[in-house]
Protein backbone atom coordinates (compact mmCIF):
# COMPACT_ATOMS: atom_id res chain seq x y z
CA MET A 1 0.00 -0.12 0.10
CA CYS A 2 1.22 3.47 -0.82
CA LEU A 3 0.10 6.43 1.09
CA ALA A 4 0.36 9.74 -1.24
CA VAL A 5 1.24 12.85 1.08
CA PRO A 6 1.80 16.10 -0.62
CA ALA A 7 5.67 17.33 -0.68
CA ARG A 8 6.44 20.96 -1.10
CA VAL A 9 9.07 21.94 -4.06
CA VAL A 10 11.52 23.78 -2.31
CA ALA A 11 14.32 23.90 -5.24
CA LEU A 12 15.01 23.33 -8.53
CA LEU A 13 17.85 21.36 -8.98
CA GLY A 14 18.02 21.20 -12.65
CA ASP A 15 18.30 18.37 -15.17
CA GLN A 16 14.50 17.19 -14.24
CA TRP A 17 15.08 17.15 -9.83
CA VAL A 18 13.60 18.63 -7.46
CA GLU A 19 14.17 18.90 -3.74
CA THR A 20 10.88 18.77 -1.42
CA ASP A 21 10.04 19.27 1.89
CA VAL A 22 7.52 16.76 3.75
CA GLY A 23 7.21 18.06 7.62
CA GLY A 24 10.76 18.94 7.76
CA VAL A 25 12.24 15.91 5.83
CA ARG A 26 13.51 16.74 2.28
CA CYS A 27 13.93 14.62 -0.71
CA ARG A 28 15.26 14.67 -4.22
CA VAL A 29 12.50 13.92 -6.50
CA SER A 30 12.37 13.23 -10.55
CA ILE A 31 9.52 15.73 -12.54
CA ALA A 32 10.45 13.21 -15.47
CA LEU A 33 7.29 12.49 -15.86
CA ILE A 34 5.07 15.99 -15.33
CA ASP A 35 5.65 19.45 -17.20
CA ASP A 36 6.34 22.94 -15.48
CA VAL A 37 6.88 22.33 -12.26
CA ALA A 38 7.91 25.92 -9.77
CA LEU A 39 9.01 26.53 -6.66
CA GLY A 40 5.94 25.96 -4.02
CA ASP A 41 4.36 23.78 -6.05
CA TYR A 42 2.82 20.34 -4.26
CA LEU A 43 3.73 17.33 -5.42
CA ILE A 44 2.51 13.45 -5.33
CA VAL A 45 5.46 11.46 -5.38
CA HIS A 46 5.75 7.34 -5.60
CA ALA A 47 9.55 5.95 -5.91
CA GLY A 48 11.12 9.02 -6.17
CA PHE A 49 9.04 10.41 -9.01
CA ALA A 50 6.40 13.41 -9.19
CA ILE A 51 3.30 11.93 -10.49
CA THR A 52 0.91 14.73 -10.29
CA ARG A 53 0.87 18.06 -9.27
CA LEU A 54 -2.04 19.19 -6.74
CA ASP A 55 -3.87 21.97 -5.89
CA VAL A 56 -2.27 24.42 -3.26
CA GLU A 57 -5.60 24.43 -1.40
CA GLU A 58 -6.30 20.47 -1.34
CA ALA A 59 -2.80 20.14 -0.23
CA GLU A 60 -2.78 22.05 2.70
CA LYS A 61 -6.28 20.38 3.64
CA THR A 62 -4.53 17.03 3.22
CA LEU A 63 -1.69 18.09 5.38
CA ALA A 64 -3.83 19.50 7.88
CA LEU A 65 -5.60 16.23 8.21
CA PHE A 66 -2.49 14.75 8.48
CA GLU A 67 -1.43 16.56 11.82
CA GLU A 68 -4.73 16.19 13.15
CA ILE A 69 -4.55 12.48 13.08
CA ALA A 70 -0.84 12.48 14.00
CA ALA A 71 -1.84 14.85 17.49
CA ARG A 72 -4.85 12.31 18.47
CA LEU A 73 -2.52 9.40 17.95
CA GLN A 74 -0.12 10.91 20.15
CA GLY A 75 0.44 8.67 23.13
CA ALA A 76 -1.50 6.12 21.73
CA ALA A 77 1.00 3.48 20.56
CA HIS A 78 -1.47 0.83 20.28
CA ALA A 79 -3.76 2.83 17.86
CA LEU A 80 -2.03 1.65 14.96
CA HIS A 81 -1.08 -1.83 15.58
CA PRO A 82 -3.80 -2.93 18.44
CA ARG A 83 -2.69 -6.21 20.08
CA LEU A 84 -5.48 -8.84 20.17
CA SER A 85 -5.62 -10.68 24.04
């Protein structure tokens, strides 16, 4: 299963590569599959390749939902993988 998280473009590296940021984690991503990527764009990345561009508003809503989920799960280590008794 793949979980798609919007990655914001923070640097254009040339030769079809950009640097993206997701929650402070930066990665080098190929943009060979999509055209006209600009600083500040949000991308969906799979296996190191940008596969689509997202609307900024939609990307920010998605990131806010991930933050809400993380906040609710904080302190509940068993929430994702509950043990069966």
